[in-house]
Amino acid sequence: MIDELRRAPLFSRLEPNQLERVVRHASRFRLSAEQLLFSQGDPATRFYLLLSGQMRLFRLSPEGAEKVIEIVNPGQTFAEALMFLNAPRYPVGAAALADSELIAIDSSDFAAMLRESVATCFVLLGALSQRLRALIGEIDDLTLHTATSRVARYLASHLPPGARSLELDVRKAVLASRLSVQPETFSRVIKSLTEQGVIRMEGALVRVLDPHALLEIAELTDLLDADDAGSLGTRGQRP
């Protein structure tokens, strides 16, 4: 478990004795696809590192409608910021999108260790700052860009550098919720991009046929001066 923790940015600068302490207060477990990890409002006594699989963090409206807040991929931690609150409760629910393996870390003991290590505090602050920047970027997307632009931005930003294709590794309904569009709107946008010759769908694989057109639709004009499609995928990615 120590080696797996060390590969995660949050734990990468911990001393060996600190990692051993984390392991003493941690547990490894598995979830099946669609299995709930915690519900919105549950006491937040632990935070998590995803080792394999995929998780979704979501909020429920009073009517029961689900809004996906974040998609968590292997190597990422989640719910760690809550350790700084008194009697915290999870503001979101968490469920597995696929069969997943996680490590649960005791929040109160980790917070106690932070008080003893300035370096570890700065690592955590850096991770939280990156998430804050991502949230600000998402607010910009929601307020300044159309549904078509948001879908195009997702495709452009999630292409591996220099690649012309990407795999949609989550269900379209989940991805639509993450982008704050209705599933039928997401399908219409994909159909429109296909009819315009910008992309071609091959099952879950998206092939980008016209990278510059995709960037224009995504309103990523700062990347249009690139000489080739290698600029795609270089924009900061958010889950």
Foldseek 3Di string as FASTA:
>chain_A
DLVLQCLALLCVPPDPVVSVVQVVQKDKDKDAAFAWDFAAFAFPFKKKAWAAAKKWWWAADPVGDIFTAAIDHHSDIPPQVQLVDDRDTHRTIMGTNHITMMMITGSPVVVVVCVVDVVSVVSVVVVVVVVVVVVVVLVCCVPPHDLLLLLLLQQQQQAAQPAFKDFPPGDLCNVCSNNVHHSVVSVVSVVVCVVVVQWDDDDRMIGGRNQLVSCVSNVVVVQNVDPDSSSGNPPDDGD
